[in-house]
Amino acid sequence: MSETAADQTTRPEPQLLGIYLNDHLAGATACVQLVRRLARSLRGTPVEDPLADLAEDVAADRKELLAIMDELGVPVRRYKLYTAAAAELAGRLKFNGHLLTRSPLSVVVELEMLRLGIEGTASGWRTLRTVGAAQGRPDVGRVDRLLERAAEQVALVETLRVRAAARVFVGGSA
C-alpha cells in the first residue's frame, strides 16, 4: 500500500500552531458577533434568554482561547480578527427574499452558521487536547470542559434551529 501525504511523518513546525490558533480566534470573533446579533434580533421572543446566555458562553470560550494562546506563547494576529469581523458583517447581506426587512429565513441560516462555528471551535479544542496530551499544555482537563460546553452549545443551537425551520417551512410553532 502506498503512503499518502497525510500518512507521512512530519516534523512539527511551531509557527503552524500559531497560524491555526489565530484562524480559530478569527472564527470565534465572528461567532461572537453573530450570536450577539442573533440574540438582539430575537429580543422579546422565548429564545431571547437562551441566546443571550449562549452569547456569553461563546464570548467566554473566545477568552479561553486567548488565554491558551498566551499560555502557549502564540501572538494574536490582529489582521485576521479584522478580516473575520468584516466577513461577519458581509454575511449579514443575504439574498433571502426580503430587501428592507429581516426575513424569517435569516434566523434559520444564522443558526446553521452558528452551529458550524461552534463545531469548528470544538474541532479546535480537540486539536488543543492533542497538543496538551503531548506537551503538557494546555491542560487536558481544561480542554475537556471546553469540549463539553461546546457539545451543550451545539445541542441548544440545533434545537433552536429545528424549531425555527419548522416555523419558517411548515408553519409549526416553537
C-alpha atoms as a PDB file:
ATOM      1  CA  MET A   1       0.000   0.000   0.000  1.00  0.00           C
ATOM      2  CA  SER A   2       1.446   3.385  -0.921  1.00  0.00           C
ATOM      3  CA  GLU A   3       1.901   6.097   1.648  1.00  0.00           C
ATOM      4  CA  THR A   4      -0.157   9.266   1.188  1.00  0.00           C
ATOM      5  CA  ALA A   5       0.971  12.751   2.138  1.00  0.00           C
ATOM      6  CA  ALA A   6      -1.359  12.622   5.170  1.00  0.00           C
ATOM      7  CA  ASP A   7       0.285   9.394   6.369  1.00  0.00           C
ATOM      8  CA  GLN A   8       3.836  10.702   6.231  1.00  0.00           C
ATOM      9  CA  THR A   9       5.543  11.678   9.462  1.00  0.00           C
ATOM     10  CA  THR A  10       6.436  15.341   9.521  1.00  0.00           C
ATOM     11  CA  ARG A  11       8.478  17.426  11.862  1.00  0.00           C
ATOM     12  CA  PRO A  12       6.323  19.838  13.903  1.00  0.00           C
ATOM     13  CA  GLU A  13       6.559  23.453  12.791  1.00  0.00           C
ATOM     14  CA  PRO A  14       5.819  25.685  15.807  1.00  0.00           C
ATOM     15  CA  GLN A  15       4.558  28.592  13.685  1.00  0.00           C
ATOM     16  CA  LEU A  16       1.810  26.401  12.232  1.00  0.00           C
ATOM     17  CA  LEU A  17       0.076  26.140  15.609  1.00  0.00           C
ATOM     18  CA  GLY A  18       0.098  29.947  15.786  1.00  0.00           C
ATOM     19  CA  ILE A  19      -1.493  30.225  12.354  1.00  0.00           C
ATOM     20  CA  TYR A  20      -4.055  27.578  13.259  1.00  0.00           C
ATOM     21  CA  LEU A  21      -4.997  29.194  16.570  1.00  0.00           C
ATOM     22  CA  ASN A  22      -5.243  32.652  15.018  1.00  0.00           C
ATOM     23  CA  ASP A  23      -7.586  31.234  12.387  1.00  0.00           C
ATOM     24  CA  HIS A  24      -9.714  29.779  15.187  1.00  0.00           C
ATOM     25  CA  LEU A  25      -9.603  33.075  17.041  1.00  0.00           C
ATOM     26  CA  ALA A  26     -10.849  34.837  13.913  1.00  0.00           C
ATOM     27  CA  GLY A  27     -13.693  32.322  13.649  1.00  0.00           C
ATOM     28  CA  ALA A  28     -14.519  32.766  17.330  1.00  0.00           C
ATOM     29  CA  THR A  29     -14.614  36.533  16.844  1.00  0.00           C
ATOM     30  CA  ALA A  30     -17.120  36.205  14.011  1.00  0.00           C
ATOM     31  CA  CYS A  31     -19.129  33.674  16.018  1.00  0.00           C
ATOM     32  CA  VAL A  32     -19.398  36.042  18.994  1.00  0.00           C
ATOM     33  CA  GLN A  33     -20.644  38.826  16.730  1.00  0.00           C
ATOM     34  CA  LEU A  34     -23.144  36.504  15.049  1.00  0.00           C
ATOM     35  CA  VAL A  35     -24.687  35.121  18.248  1.00  0.00           C
ATOM     36  CA  ARG A  36     -24.919  38.575  19.820  1.00  0.00           C
ATOM     37  CA  ARG A  37     -26.657  39.961  16.737  1.00  0.00           C
ATOM     38  CA  LEU A  38     -28.981  36.969  16.623  1.00  0.00           C
ATOM     39  CA  ALA A  39     -29.878  37.443  20.300  1.00  0.00           C
ATOM     40  CA  ARG A  40     -30.597  41.149  19.688  1.00  0.00           C
ATOM     41  CA  SER A  41     -32.754  40.381  16.670  1.00  0.00           C
ATOM     42  CA  LEU A  42     -34.879  37.974  18.718  1.00  0.00           C
ATOM     43  CA  ARG A  43     -35.485  40.232  21.724  1.00  0.00           C
ATOM     44  CA  GLY A  44     -38.899  39.727  23.203  1.00  0.00           C
ATOM     45  CA  THR A  45     -39.161  36.133  21.977  1.00  0.00           C
ATOM     46  CA  PRO A  46     -38.909  32.920  24.004  1.00  0.00           C
ATOM     47  CA  VAL A  47     -35.381  32.326  22.671  1.00  0.00           C
ATOM     48  CA  GLU A  48     -34.007  35.688  23.802  1.00  0.00           C
ATOM     49  CA  ASP A  49     -32.668  34.412  27.133  1.00  0.00           C
ATOM     50  CA  PRO A  50     -31.113  31.164  25.842  1.00  0.00           C
ATOM     51  CA  LEU A  51     -29.413  33.095  23.038  1.00  0.00           C
ATOM     52  CA  ALA A  52     -28.169  35.793  25.428  1.00  0.00           C
ATOM     53  CA  ASP A  53     -26.709  33.075  27.670  1.00  0.00           C
ATOM     54  CA  LEU A  54     -25.183  31.385  24.637  1.00  0.00           C
ATOM     55  CA  ALA A  55     -23.624  34.689  23.566  1.00  0.00           C
ATOM     56  CA  GLU A  56     -21.944  34.939  26.977  1.00  0.00           C
ATOM     57  CA  ASP A  57     -20.671  31.359  26.711  1.00  0.00           C
ATOM     58  CA  VAL A  58     -19.295  31.856  23.201  1.00  0.00           C
ATOM     59  CA  ALA A  59     -17.562  35.069  24.306  1.00  0.00           C
ATOM     60  CA  ALA A  60     -16.128  33.206  27.323  1.00  0.00           C
ATOM     61  CA  ASP A  61     -14.841  30.468  25.000  1.00  0.00           C
ATOM     62  CA  ARG A  62     -13.099  33.117  22.902  1.00  0.00           C
ATOM     63  CA  LYS A  63     -11.443  34.466  26.073  1.00  0.00           C
ATOM     64  CA  GLU A  64     -10.356  30.922  26.953  1.00  0.00           C
ATOM     65  CA  LEU A  65      -8.777  30.595  23.523  1.00  0.00           C
ATOM     66  CA  LEU A  66      -6.943  33.892  24.025  1.00  0.00           C
ATOM     67  CA  ALA A  67      -5.675  32.690  27.414  1.00  0.00           C
ATOM     68  CA  ILE A  68      -4.483  29.392  25.928  1.00  0.00           C
ATOM     69  CA  MET A  69      -2.758  31.229  23.095  1.00  0.00           C
ATOM     70  CA  ASP A  70      -0.995  33.403  25.665  1.00  0.00           C
ATOM     71  CA  GLU A  71      -0.012  30.325  27.674  1.00  0.00           C
ATOM     72  CA  LEU A  72       1.451  28.757  24.527  1.00  0.00           C
ATOM     73  CA  GLY A  73       3.237  31.968  23.534  1.00  0.00           C
ATOM     74  CA  VAL A  74       1.140  32.446  20.394  1.00  0.00           C
ATOM     75  CA  PRO A  75       0.774  36.114  19.424  1.00  0.00           C
ATOM     76  CA  VAL A  76      -2.585  37.427  18.254  1.00  0.00           C
ATOM     77  CA  ARG A  77      -2.641  38.429  14.595  1.00  0.00           C
ATOM     78  CA  ARG A  78      -4.996  41.410  14.571  1.00  0.00           C
ATOM     79  CA  TYR A  79      -5.416  41.493  10.805  1.00  0.00           C
ATOM     80  CA  LYS A  80      -7.156  38.108  10.987  1.00  0.00           C
ATOM     81  CA  LEU A  81      -9.573  39.470  13.590  1.00  0.00           C
ATOM     82  CA  TYR A  82     -10.393  42.471  11.393  1.00  0.00           C
ATOM     83  CA  THR A  83     -10.936  40.180   8.418  1.00  0.00           C
ATOM     84  CA  ALA A  84     -13.279  37.969  10.469  1.00  0.00           C
ATOM     85  CA  ALA A  85     -15.262  40.977  11.677  1.00  0.00           C
ATOM     86  CA  ALA A  86     -15.613  42.230   8.106  1.00  0.00           C
ATOM     87  CA  ALA A  87     -16.677  38.769   6.925  1.00  0.00           C
ATOM     88  CA  GLU A  88     -19.364  38.591   9.619  1.00  0.00           C
ATOM     89  CA  LEU A  89     -20.665  41.987   8.518  1.00  0.00           C
ATOM     90  CA  ALA A  90     -20.713  40.838   4.908  1.00  0.00           C
ATOM     91  CA  GLY A  91     -22.562  37.703   5.996  1.00  0.00           C
ATOM     92  CA  ARG A  92     -25.461  39.880   7.036  1.00  0.00           C
ATOM     93  CA  LEU A  93     -26.174  40.540   3.376  1.00  0.00           C
ATOM     94  CA  LYS A  94     -28.234  37.556   2.339  1.00  0.00           C
ATOM     95  CA  PHE A  95     -30.450  37.130  -0.673  1.00  0.00           C
ATOM     96  CA  ASN A  96     -33.343  35.713   1.313  1.00  0.00           C
ATOM     97  CA  GLY A  97     -36.456  37.128  -0.257  1.00  0.00           C
ATOM     98  CA  HIS A  98     -36.624  40.337   1.792  1.00  0.00           C
ATOM     99  CA  LEU A  99     -34.966  43.575   0.801  1.00  0.00           C
ATOM    100  CA  LEU A 100     -35.778  46.071   3.561  1.00  0.00           C
ATOM    101  CA  THR A 101     -36.966  43.833   6.395  1.00  0.00           C
ATOM    102  CA  ARG A 102     -35.455  40.856   8.168  1.00  0.00           C
ATOM    103  CA  SER A 103     -36.531  37.569   6.617  1.00  0.00           C
ATOM    104  CA  PRO A 104     -37.661  34.711   8.858  1.00  0.00           C
ATOM    105  CA  LEU A 105     -35.226  32.620   6.820  1.00  0.00           C
ATOM    106  CA  SER A 106     -32.363  34.674   8.284  1.00  0.00           C
ATOM    107  CA  VAL A 107     -32.838  33.048  11.689  1.00  0.00           C
ATOM    108  CA  VAL A 108     -32.568  29.543  10.214  1.00  0.00           C
ATOM    109  CA  VAL A 109     -29.480  30.371   8.173  1.00  0.00           C
ATOM    110  CA  GLU A 110     -27.795  32.235  11.037  1.00  0.00           C
ATOM    111  CA  LEU A 111     -28.433  29.368  13.458  1.00  0.00           C
ATOM    112  CA  GLU A 112     -26.882  26.999  10.915  1.00  0.00           C
ATOM    113  CA  MET A 113     -23.831  29.260  10.604  1.00  0.00           C
ATOM    114  CA  LEU A 114     -23.627  29.481  14.388  1.00  0.00           C
ATOM    115  CA  ARG A 115     -23.734  25.711  14.714  1.00  0.00           C
ATOM    116  CA  LEU A 116     -20.939  25.378  12.169  1.00  0.00           C
ATOM    117  CA  GLY A 117     -18.922  27.950  14.098  1.00  0.00           C
ATOM    118  CA  ILE A 118     -19.365  26.112  17.388  1.00  0.00           C
ATOM    119  CA  GLU A 119     -18.480  22.794  15.763  1.00  0.00           C
ATOM    120  CA  GLY A 120     -15.357  24.453  14.361  1.00  0.00           C
ATOM    121  CA  THR A 121     -14.494  25.662  17.836  1.00  0.00           C
ATOM    122  CA  ALA A 122     -14.915  22.113  19.144  1.00  0.00           C
ATOM    123  CA  SER A 123     -12.515  20.880  16.463  1.00  0.00           C
ATOM    124  CA  GLY A 124     -10.005  23.429  17.687  1.00  0.00           C
ATOM    125  CA  TRP A 125     -10.461  22.247  21.261  1.00  0.00           C
ATOM    126  CA  ARG A 126      -9.866  18.649  20.146  1.00  0.00           C
ATOM    127  CA  THR A 127      -6.639  19.728  18.454  1.00  0.00           C
ATOM    128  CA  LEU A 128      -5.550  21.569  21.593  1.00  0.00           C
ATOM    129  CA  ARG A 129      -6.357  18.467  23.621  1.00  0.00           C
ATOM    130  CA  THR A 130      -3.935  16.519  21.420  1.00  0.00           C
ATOM    131  CA  VAL A 131      -1.295  19.224  21.873  1.00  0.00           C
ATOM    132  CA  GLY A 132      -1.864  19.270  25.623  1.00  0.00           C
ATOM    133  CA  ALA A 133      -1.627  15.497  25.907  1.00  0.00           C
ATOM    134  CA  ALA A 134       1.697  15.544  24.052  1.00  0.00           C
ATOM    135  CA  GLN A 135       3.250  18.693  25.528  1.00  0.00           C
ATOM    136  CA  GLY A 136       1.616  19.122  28.933  1.00  0.00           C
ATOM    137  CA  ARG A 137      -0.139  22.348  27.996  1.00  0.00           C
ATOM    138  CA  PRO A 138      -2.794  23.386  27.637  1.00  0.00           C
ATOM    139  CA  ASP A 139      -4.277  21.409  30.492  1.00  0.00           C
ATOM    140  CA  VAL A 140      -6.264  18.482  29.093  1.00  0.00           C
ATOM    141  CA  GLY A 141      -8.912  18.753  31.828  1.00  0.00           C
ATOM    142  CA  ARG A 142      -9.499  22.395  30.919  1.00  0.00           C
ATOM    143  CA  VAL A 143      -9.882  21.495  27.256  1.00  0.00           C
ATOM    144  CA  ASP A 144     -12.238  18.621  28.124  1.00  0.00           C
ATOM    145  CA  ARG A 145     -14.509  21.088  29.945  1.00  0.00           C
ATOM    146  CA  LEU A 146     -14.476  23.353  26.882  1.00  0.00           C
ATOM    147  CA  LEU A 147     -15.395  20.373  24.701  1.00  0.00           C
ATOM    148  CA  GLU A 148     -18.318  19.525  26.996  1.00  0.00           C
ATOM    149  CA  ARG A 149     -19.546  23.110  26.809  1.00  0.00           C
ATOM    150  CA  ALA A 150     -19.263  23.065  23.001  1.00  0.00           C
ATOM    151  CA  ALA A 151     -21.383  19.897  22.875  1.00  0.00           C
ATOM    152  CA  GLU A 152     -24.044  21.584  25.022  1.00  0.00           C
ATOM    153  CA  GLN A 153     -23.930  24.663  22.796  1.00  0.00           C
ATOM    154  CA  VAL A 154     -24.360  22.577  19.638  1.00  0.00           C
ATOM    155  CA  ALA A 155     -27.341  20.776  21.169  1.00  0.00           C
ATOM    156  CA  LEU A 156     -29.009  24.084  22.092  1.00  0.00           C
ATOM    157  CA  VAL A 157     -28.402  25.661  18.698  1.00  0.00           C
ATOM    158  CA  GLU A 158     -29.696  22.568  16.903  1.00  0.00           C
ATOM    159  CA  THR A 159     -32.889  22.615  18.987  1.00  0.00           C
ATOM    160  CA  LEU A 160     -33.409  26.288  18.179  1.00  0.00           C
ATOM    161  CA  ARG A 161     -32.609  25.700  14.504  1.00  0.00           C
ATOM    162  CA  VAL A 162     -35.112  22.849  14.152  1.00  0.00           C
ATOM    163  CA  ARG A 163     -37.826  24.959  15.795  1.00  0.00           C
ATOM    164  CA  ALA A 164     -37.047  27.931  13.556  1.00  0.00           C
ATOM    165  CA  ALA A 165     -37.086  25.735  10.458  1.00  0.00           C
ATOM    166  CA  ALA A 166     -40.465  24.303  11.468  1.00  0.00           C
ATOM    167  CA  ARG A 167     -41.868  27.822  11.854  1.00  0.00           C
ATOM    168  CA  VAL A 168     -40.494  29.016   8.545  1.00  0.00           C
ATOM    169  CA  PHE A 169     -41.065  25.995   6.327  1.00  0.00           C
ATOM    170  CA  VAL A 170     -44.068  24.146   7.754  1.00  0.00           C
ATOM    171  CA  GLY A 171     -45.808  26.753   9.888  1.00  0.00           C
ATOM    172  CA  GLY A 172     -45.050  24.939  13.123  1.00  0.00           C
ATOM    173  CA  SER A 173     -44.921  26.769  16.410  1.00  0.00           C
ATOM    174  CA  ALA A 174     -41.982  26.866  18.759  1.00  0.00           C
END
